[in-house]
Amino acid sequence: MSIIVRKARLEDGAGIYAVEEDAFSVPWSLDSIKRDLADEERTMYYVLEREDGLIAGYAGLWKVLDEGQITNIALRKIFRRQGYGELLVRVLMEAAWEAGCTDIFLEVRVSNQAALQFYRKLGYEVLSVRKNYYSNPAEDAFIMDCKKRSYPWVR
């Protein structure tokens, strides 16, 4: 079965919310997701969609002037460790560069070594620590930044 990455639409809200519920102990609300999807001027969302219409994952970003803030990257558990996360993030980042972003920020759990390694591969560096950023379980977050010039595949 084939899978594509495409720009998210407002009607993808329920599918994105289903991914949130599968991926996170504290998922974003459906209302929050729909609000973000409706604000195309400020947000960018991409979904990983199976040919039968199932949304297998998504990645989102808020744009503020020339900066991007990755909100969430999530895959349903059965789609992890197959390269889909990297595909989603790269599509999102390249769209952000194309939209004029020069920096992209994100937060990641300090204990998430796999994610830290992945983000470093994409050109991210740790800037600082945000104390008690996560709940359930409570944990600090690293704030990471990737400058466009540091992104390995920049054209």
N, C-alpha and C. Protein backbone atom coordinates (compact mmCIF):
# COMPACT_ATOMS: atom_id res chain seq x y z
N MET A 1 0.84 -1.17 0.00
CA MET A 1 0.00 0.00 0.00
C MET A 1 0.89 1.24 0.00
N SER A 2 0.60 2.18 -0.87
CA SER A 2 1.45 3.37 -0.97
C SER A 2 1.05 4.44 0.04
N ILE A 3 2.01 5.31 0.30
CA ILE A 3 1.83 6.41 1.25
C ILE A 3 2.36 7.68 0.61
N ILE A 4 1.64 8.78 0.82
CA ILE A 4 2.08 10.07 0.30
C ILE A 4 2.16 11.09 1.44
N VAL A 5 2.93 12.15 1.22
CA VAL A 5 2.94 13.30 2.10
C VAL A 5 2.27 14.43 1.33
N ARG A 6 1.33 15.07 1.98
CA ARG A 6 0.64 16.20 1.34
C ARG A 6 0.33 17.26 2.39
N LYS A 7 0.05 18.46 1.89
CA LYS A 7 -0.35 19.56 2.78
C LYS A 7 -1.69 19.18 3.42
N ALA A 8 -1.80 19.42 4.72
CA ALA A 8 -3.03 19.09 5.44
C ALA A 8 -4.15 20.05 5.09
N ARG A 9 -5.37 19.54 5.16
CA ARG A 9 -6.59 20.33 4.93
C ARG A 9 -7.41 20.35 6.21
N LEU A 10 -8.33 21.28 6.32
CA LEU A 10 -9.18 21.40 7.50
C LEU A 10 -9.88 20.09 7.82
N GLU A 11 -10.33 19.39 6.81
CA GLU A 11 -11.05 18.13 7.04
C GLU A 11 -10.15 16.99 7.55
N ASP A 12 -8.85 17.22 7.64
CA ASP A 12 -7.92 16.23 8.20
C ASP A 12 -7.86 16.27 9.72
N GLY A 13 -8.58 17.21 10.34
CA GLY A 13 -8.50 17.39 11.79
C GLY A 13 -8.74 16.12 12.58
N ALA A 14 -9.78 15.37 12.26
CA ALA A 14 -10.09 14.15 13.01
C ALA A 14 -8.99 13.11 12.85
N GLY A 15 -8.44 12.99 11.65
CA GLY A 15 -7.35 12.03 11.43
C GLY A 15 -6.08 12.42 12.17
N ILE A 16 -5.78 13.71 12.20
CA ILE A 16 -4.62 14.19 12.95
C ILE A 16 -4.83 13.95 14.44
N TYR A 17 -6.05 14.21 14.92
CA TYR A 17 -6.35 13.98 16.33
C TYR A 17 -6.20 12.49 16.68
N ALA A 18 -6.59 11.60 15.78
CA ALA A 18 -6.42 10.16 16.03
C ALA A 18 -4.94 9.81 16.16
N VAL A 19 -4.09 10.43 15.36
CA VAL A 19 -2.65 10.23 15.47
C VAL A 19 -2.17 10.74 16.82
N GLU A 20 -2.62 11.92 17.23
CA GLU A 20 -2.27 12.49 18.54
C GLU A 20 -2.59 11.51 19.67
N GLU A 21 -3.79 10.95 19.62
CA GLU A 21 -4.21 10.02 20.68
C GLU A 21 -3.34 8.76 20.70
N ASP A 22 -2.91 8.31 19.54
CA ASP A 22 -2.08 7.12 19.45
C ASP A 22 -0.64 7.40 19.89
N ALA A 23 -0.18 8.64 19.68
CA ALA A 23 1.24 8.96 19.86
C ALA A 23 1.59 9.57 21.21
N PHE A 24 0.68 10.32 21.84
CA PHE A 24 1.04 11.11 23.00
C PHE A 24 0.19 10.79 24.22
N SER A 25 0.81 10.89 25.40
CA SER A 25 0.08 10.69 26.65
C SER A 25 -0.84 11.88 26.95
N VAL A 26 -0.50 13.05 26.42
CA VAL A 26 -1.34 14.25 26.58
C VAL A 26 -1.56 14.83 25.18
N PRO A 27 -2.56 14.32 24.45
CA PRO A 27 -2.77 14.80 23.08
C PRO A 27 -3.36 16.21 23.04
N TRP A 28 -3.09 16.90 21.94
CA TRP A 28 -3.74 18.18 21.70
C TRP A 28 -5.22 17.91 21.47
N SER A 29 -6.06 18.89 21.76
CA SER A 29 -7.50 18.72 21.54
C SER A 29 -7.82 18.86 20.05
N LEU A 30 -8.94 18.27 19.67
CA LEU A 30 -9.40 18.39 18.28
C LEU A 30 -9.65 19.85 17.94
N ASP A 31 -10.19 20.62 18.87
CA ASP A 31 -10.44 22.04 18.62
C ASP A 31 -9.13 22.79 18.34
N SER A 32 -8.07 22.50 19.10
CA SER A 32 -6.77 23.15 18.87
C SER A 32 -6.24 22.81 17.49
N ILE A 33 -6.36 21.57 17.12
CA ILE A 33 -5.88 21.13 15.80
C ILE A 33 -6.67 21.83 14.70
N LYS A 34 -7.97 21.86 14.82
CA LYS A 34 -8.80 22.52 13.80
C LYS A 34 -8.48 24.01 13.70
N ARG A 35 -8.25 24.65 14.86
CA ARG A 35 -7.89 26.08 14.86
C ARG A 35 -6.60 26.31 14.08
N ASP A 36 -5.61 25.45 14.33
CA ASP A 36 -4.34 25.57 13.61
C ASP A 36 -4.53 25.34 12.11
N LEU A 37 -5.28 24.31 11.75
CA LEU A 37 -5.49 24.01 10.34
C LEU A 37 -6.21 25.14 9.61
N ALA A 38 -7.08 25.85 10.31
CA ALA A 38 -7.83 26.95 9.70
C ALA A 38 -6.98 28.20 9.50
N ASP A 39 -5.86 28.30 10.21
CA ASP A 39 -5.01 29.49 10.15
C ASP A 39 -3.84 29.25 9.19
N GLU A 40 -4.13 29.23 7.91
CA GLU A 40 -3.10 28.92 6.90
C GLU A 40 -2.03 30.01 6.79
N GLU A 41 -2.33 31.21 7.26
CA GLU A 41 -1.35 32.28 7.22
C GLU A 41 -0.22 32.06 8.23
N ARG A 42 -0.57 31.46 9.37
CA ARG A 42 0.37 31.31 10.47
C ARG A 42 0.88 29.88 10.64
N THR A 43 0.20 28.91 10.08
CA THR A 43 0.58 27.52 10.32
C THR A 43 0.83 26.75 9.03
N MET A 44 1.63 25.70 9.17
CA MET A 44 1.89 24.77 8.07
C MET A 44 1.76 23.37 8.66
N TYR A 45 0.92 22.55 8.07
CA TYR A 45 0.76 21.17 8.49
C TYR A 45 0.87 20.27 7.26
N TYR A 46 1.53 19.14 7.44
CA TYR A 46 1.62 18.12 6.41
C TYR A 46 1.22 16.79 7.03
N VAL A 47 0.54 15.97 6.24
CA VAL A 47 0.13 14.66 6.71
C VAL A 47 0.77 13.57 5.86
N LEU A 48 0.94 12.44 6.50
CA LEU A 48 1.37 11.20 5.85
C LEU A 48 0.10 10.40 5.69
N GLU A 49 -0.32 10.17 4.44
CA GLU A 49 -1.61 9.54 4.18
C GLU A 49 -1.44 8.26 3.37
N ARG A 50 -2.07 7.21 3.88
CA ARG A 50 -2.10 5.94 3.16
C ARG A 50 -3.11 6.04 2.03
N GLU A 51 -2.98 5.22 1.01
CA GLU A 51 -3.87 5.32 -0.16
C GLU A 51 -5.33 5.07 0.20
N ASP A 52 -5.60 4.40 1.31
CA ASP A 52 -7.00 4.20 1.73
C ASP A 52 -7.54 5.38 2.53
N GLY A 53 -6.74 6.47 2.66
CA GLY A 53 -7.19 7.67 3.35
C GLY A 53 -6.79 7.77 4.81
N LEU A 54 -6.23 6.70 5.37
CA LEU A 54 -5.80 6.74 6.78
C LEU A 54 -4.65 7.72 6.94
N ILE A 55 -4.77 8.63 7.90
CA ILE A 55 -3.66 9.53 8.21
C ILE A 55 -2.76 8.80 9.19
N ALA A 56 -1.55 8.51 8.73
CA ALA A 56 -0.59 7.72 9.49
C ALA A 56 0.31 8.60 10.35
N GLY A 57 0.40 9.89 10.03
CA GLY A 57 1.24 10.80 10.79
C GLY A 57 1.05 12.22 10.30
N TYR A 58 1.66 13.13 11.04
CA TYR A 58 1.59 14.53 10.63
C TYR A 58 2.74 15.30 11.27
N ALA A 59 3.00 16.46 10.72
CA ALA A 59 3.99 17.39 11.26
C ALA A 59 3.42 18.80 11.09
N GLY A 60 3.59 19.63 12.13
CA GLY A 60 3.05 20.98 12.08
C GLY A 60 4.07 22.02 12.50
N LEU A 61 3.87 23.24 12.03
CA LEU A 61 4.80 24.35 12.30
C LEU A 61 4.02 25.65 12.36
N TRP A 62 4.38 26.50 13.31
CA TRP A 62 3.87 27.86 13.37
C TRP A 62 4.92 28.77 12.76
N LYS A 63 4.48 29.71 11.92
CA LYS A 63 5.38 30.70 11.31
C LYS A 63 5.21 32.04 12.02
N VAL A 64 6.33 32.64 12.41
CA VAL A 64 6.33 33.98 12.99
C VAL A 64 7.46 34.74 12.31
N LEU A 65 7.09 35.68 11.46
CA LEU A 65 8.05 36.43 10.65
C LEU A 65 8.96 35.47 9.89
N ASP A 66 10.27 35.46 10.20
CA ASP A 66 11.17 34.57 9.46
C ASP A 66 11.58 33.35 10.28
N GLU A 67 10.79 33.03 11.31
CA GLU A 67 11.08 31.86 12.15
C GLU A 67 9.94 30.86 12.08
N GLY A 68 10.31 29.59 12.23
CA GLY A 68 9.33 28.53 12.34
C GLY A 68 9.47 27.86 13.69
N GLN A 69 8.35 27.41 14.24
CA GLN A 69 8.34 26.66 15.50
C GLN A 69 7.59 25.36 15.24
N ILE A 70 8.31 24.24 15.23
CA ILE A 70 7.65 22.96 15.03
C ILE A 70 6.78 22.69 16.25
N THR A 71 5.50 22.44 16.00
CA THR A 71 4.55 22.21 17.08
C THR A 71 4.55 20.74 17.49
N ASN A 72 4.38 19.87 16.54
CA ASN A 72 4.35 18.43 16.80
C ASN A 72 4.77 17.67 15.57
N ILE A 73 5.36 16.54 15.82
CA ILE A 73 5.66 15.54 14.80
C ILE A 73 5.16 14.24 15.40
N ALA A 74 4.25 13.58 14.73
CA ALA A 74 3.69 12.36 15.31
C ALA A 74 3.36 11.34 14.24
N LEU A 75 3.62 10.10 14.57
CA LEU A 75 3.26 8.96 13.72
C LEU A 75 2.49 7.96 14.57
N ARG A 76 1.53 7.30 13.95
CA ARG A 76 0.91 6.17 14.63
C ARG A 76 2.01 5.16 14.91
N LYS A 77 1.89 4.45 16.01
CA LYS A 77 2.94 3.53 16.44
C LYS A 77 3.35 2.53 15.36
N ILE A 78 2.39 2.03 14.59
CA ILE A 78 2.71 0.99 13.59
C ILE A 78 3.49 1.54 12.39
N PHE A 79 3.62 2.87 12.28
CA PHE A 79 4.35 3.46 11.15
C PHE A 79 5.72 3.99 11.55
N ARG A 80 6.12 3.77 12.79
CA ARG A 80 7.40 4.29 13.26
C ARG A 80 8.56 3.41 12.80
N ARG A 81 9.74 4.03 12.79
CA ARG A 81 11.01 3.37 12.45
C ARG A 81 11.02 2.81 11.02
N GLN A 82 10.36 3.53 10.12
CA GLN A 82 10.34 3.14 8.71
C GLN A 82 10.77 4.29 7.81
N GLY A 83 11.27 5.39 8.40
CA GLY A 83 11.72 6.53 7.62
C GLY A 83 10.65 7.58 7.36
N TYR A 84 9.41 7.32 7.80
CA TYR A 84 8.32 8.26 7.54
C TYR A 84 8.47 9.56 8.34
N GLY A 85 8.99 9.47 9.54
CA GLY A 85 9.19 10.67 10.35
C GLY A 85 10.15 11.63 9.68
N GLU A 86 11.27 11.10 9.18
CA GLU A 86 12.23 11.96 8.49
C GLU A 86 11.62 12.56 7.24
N LEU A 87 10.88 11.78 6.49
CA LEU A 87 10.22 12.29 5.29
C LEU A 87 9.29 13.45 5.65
N LEU A 88 8.45 13.27 6.65
CA LEU A 88 7.52 14.32 7.06
C LEU A 88 8.25 15.59 7.50
N VAL A 89 9.26 15.43 8.35
CA VAL A 89 9.97 16.59 8.87
C VAL A 89 10.71 17.32 7.75
N ARG A 90 11.33 16.58 6.87
CA ARG A 90 12.05 17.24 5.77
C ARG A 90 11.09 18.00 4.85
N VAL A 91 9.94 17.42 4.54
CA VAL A 91 8.96 18.12 3.71
C VAL A 91 8.52 19.41 4.42
N LEU A 92 8.22 19.31 5.71
CA LEU A 92 7.80 20.48 6.48
C LEU A 92 8.90 21.54 6.51
N MET A 93 10.12 21.14 6.81
CA MET A 93 11.22 22.10 6.90
C MET A 93 11.48 22.77 5.55
N GLU A 94 11.46 21.99 4.48
CA GLU A 94 11.73 22.57 3.16
C GLU A 94 10.62 23.52 2.75
N ALA A 95 9.37 23.23 3.13
CA ALA A 95 8.27 24.17 2.88
C ALA A 95 8.47 25.45 3.68
N ALA A 96 8.96 25.30 4.93
CA ALA A 96 9.21 26.48 5.76
C ALA A 96 10.34 27.34 5.18
N TRP A 97 11.41 26.70 4.71
CA TRP A 97 12.49 27.47 4.07
C TRP A 97 11.92 28.21 2.85
N GLU A 98 11.13 27.50 2.07
CA GLU A 98 10.53 28.10 0.86
C GLU A 98 9.62 29.28 1.22
N ALA A 99 8.97 29.21 2.38
CA ALA A 99 8.07 30.28 2.83
C ALA A 99 8.81 31.45 3.49
N GLY A 100 10.14 31.38 3.54
CA GLY A 100 10.92 32.50 4.05
C GLY A 100 11.51 32.33 5.43
N CYS A 101 11.32 31.18 6.07
CA CYS A 101 11.91 30.96 7.38
C CYS A 101 13.43 30.82 7.25
N THR A 102 14.15 31.39 8.18
CA THR A 102 15.61 31.24 8.21
C THR A 102 16.06 30.41 9.41
N ASP A 103 15.18 30.22 10.40
CA ASP A 103 15.43 29.40 11.58
C ASP A 103 14.17 28.59 11.87
N ILE A 104 14.37 27.36 12.35
CA ILE A 104 13.25 26.55 12.81
C ILE A 104 13.61 26.01 14.18
N PHE A 105 12.70 26.23 15.13
CA PHE A 105 12.90 25.81 16.51
C PHE A 105 11.98 24.63 16.84
N LEU A 106 12.35 23.88 17.87
CA LEU A 106 11.50 22.83 18.40
C LEU A 106 11.91 22.52 19.82
N GLU A 107 11.05 21.82 20.56
CA GLU A 107 11.36 21.30 21.88
C GLU A 107 11.34 19.79 21.80
N VAL A 108 12.21 19.17 22.59
CA VAL A 108 12.27 17.71 22.64
C VAL A 108 12.62 17.29 24.06
N ARG A 109 12.04 16.19 24.51
CA ARG A 109 12.34 15.67 25.85
C ARG A 109 13.85 15.43 25.96
N VAL A 110 14.43 15.81 27.09
CA VAL A 110 15.87 15.63 27.27
C VAL A 110 16.26 14.15 27.27
N SER A 111 15.33 13.26 27.59
CA SER A 111 15.62 11.82 27.62
C SER A 111 15.45 11.14 26.27
N ASN A 112 14.92 11.84 25.27
CA ASN A 112 14.62 11.22 23.99
C ASN A 112 15.85 11.21 23.08
N GLN A 113 16.73 10.27 23.36
CA GLN A 113 18.01 10.20 22.64
C GLN A 113 17.83 9.95 21.15
N ALA A 114 16.86 9.12 20.78
CA ALA A 114 16.64 8.84 19.35
C ALA A 114 16.24 10.12 18.61
N ALA A 115 15.34 10.90 19.22
CA ALA A 115 14.91 12.16 18.59
C ALA A 115 16.06 13.16 18.52
N LEU A 116 16.84 13.25 19.59
CA LEU A 116 17.98 14.16 19.60
C LEU A 116 18.97 13.83 18.48
N GLN A 117 19.25 12.55 18.32
CA GLN A 117 20.16 12.12 17.24
C GLN A 117 19.56 12.46 15.87
N PHE A 118 18.28 12.22 15.71
CA PHE A 118 17.58 12.52 14.46
C PHE A 118 17.63 14.01 14.15
N TYR A 119 17.31 14.85 15.13
CA TYR A 119 17.31 16.29 14.90
C TYR A 119 18.71 16.81 14.60
N ARG A 120 19.71 16.27 15.26
CA ARG A 120 21.09 16.68 14.95
C ARG A 120 21.45 16.33 13.51
N LYS A 121 21.00 15.18 13.04
CA LYS A 121 21.23 14.78 11.65
C LYS A 121 20.66 15.82 10.67
N LEU A 122 19.55 16.45 11.07
CA LEU A 122 18.90 17.44 10.22
C LEU A 122 19.51 18.84 10.36
N GLY A 123 20.48 18.99 11.28
CA GLY A 123 21.14 20.28 11.43
C GLY A 123 20.75 21.06 12.68
N TYR A 124 19.96 20.46 13.56
CA TYR A 124 19.55 21.15 14.79
C TYR A 124 20.66 21.12 15.84
N GLU A 125 20.69 22.18 16.65
CA GLU A 125 21.61 22.28 17.79
C GLU A 125 20.81 22.66 19.03
N VAL A 126 21.24 22.17 20.18
CA VAL A 126 20.60 22.52 21.45
C VAL A 126 20.98 23.95 21.82
N LEU A 127 19.97 24.76 22.13
CA LEU A 127 20.19 26.14 22.56
C LEU A 127 20.11 26.27 24.06
N SER A 128 19.10 25.64 24.67
CA SER A 128 18.88 25.78 26.11
C SER A 128 17.93 24.70 26.60
N VAL A 129 17.64 24.77 27.91
CA VAL A 129 16.73 23.82 28.53
C VAL A 129 15.50 24.58 29.01
N ARG A 130 14.33 24.01 28.76
CA ARG A 130 13.07 24.56 29.26
C ARG A 130 12.62 23.63 30.39
N LYS A 131 12.71 24.12 31.62
CA LYS A 131 12.41 23.30 32.81
C LYS A 131 10.93 22.90 32.87
N ASN A 132 10.71 21.64 33.22
CA ASN A 132 9.36 21.09 33.44
C ASN A 132 8.40 21.38 32.28
N TYR A 133 8.89 21.31 31.06
CA TYR A 133 8.08 21.60 29.88
C TYR A 133 7.01 20.53 29.65
N TYR A 134 7.38 19.29 29.86
CA TYR A 134 6.47 18.17 29.59
C TYR A 134 5.79 17.69 30.87
N SER A 135 4.61 17.10 30.68
CA SER A 135 3.91 16.45 31.78
C SER A 135 3.58 15.02 31.37
N ASN A 136 3.33 14.21 32.37
CA ASN A 136 2.86 12.84 32.16
C ASN A 136 3.77 12.02 31.26
N PRO A 137 5.02 11.79 31.60
CA PRO A 137 5.70 12.17 32.82
C PRO A 137 6.34 13.56 32.72
N ALA A 138 6.51 14.18 33.88
CA ALA A 138 7.15 15.50 33.95
C ALA A 138 8.60 15.38 33.53
N GLU A 139 9.02 16.33 32.69
CA GLU A 139 10.40 16.29 32.19
C GLU A 139 10.77 17.63 31.57
N ASP A 140 12.06 17.93 31.61
CA ASP A 140 12.58 19.11 30.93
C ASP A 140 12.63 18.87 29.43
N ALA A 141 12.73 19.97 28.69
CA ALA A 141 12.87 19.90 27.24
C ALA A 141 14.12 20.66 26.81
N PHE A 142 14.77 20.16 25.79
CA PHE A 142 15.80 20.93 25.11
C PHE A 142 15.09 21.80 24.07
N ILE A 143 15.50 23.05 23.98
CA ILE A 143 15.08 23.91 22.88
C ILE A 143 16.17 23.78 21.83
N MET A 144 15.77 23.39 20.63
CA MET A 144 16.73 23.19 19.54
C MET A 144 16.40 24.14 18.39
N ASP A 145 17.42 24.47 17.61
CA ASP A 145 17.29 25.39 16.49
C ASP A 145 18.06 24.85 15.30
N CYS A 146 17.46 25.00 14.12
CA CYS A 146 18.16 24.69 12.88
C CYS A 146 18.12 25.94 12.01
N LYS A 147 19.28 26.44 11.67
CA LYS A 147 19.37 27.56 10.75
C LYS A 147 19.35 27.01 9.33
N LYS A 148 18.74 27.74 8.43
CA LYS A 148 18.62 27.27 7.05
C LYS A 148 19.97 26.87 6.48
N ARG A 149 20.99 27.65 6.78
CA ARG A 149 22.33 27.35 6.24
C ARG A 149 22.91 26.06 6.83
N SER A 150 22.38 25.59 7.97
CA SER A 150 22.86 24.36 8.60
C SER A 150 22.12 23.12 8.13
N TYR A 151 21.01 23.31 7.44
CA TYR A 151 20.22 22.18 6.96
C TYR A 151 20.99 21.50 5.83
N PRO A 152 21.31 20.21 5.98
CA PRO A 152 22.20 19.54 5.02
C PRO A 152 21.72 19.52 3.57
N TRP A 153 20.42 19.62 3.34
CA TRP A 153 19.92 19.48 1.98
C TRP A 153 19.46 20.81 1.38
N VAL A 154 19.88 21.93 2.00
CA VAL A 154 19.46 23.24 1.50
C VAL A 154 20.00 23.45 0.09
N ARG A 155 19.16 24.07 -0.73
CA ARG A 155 19.58 24.31 -2.13
C ARG A 155 20.11 25.71 -2.27
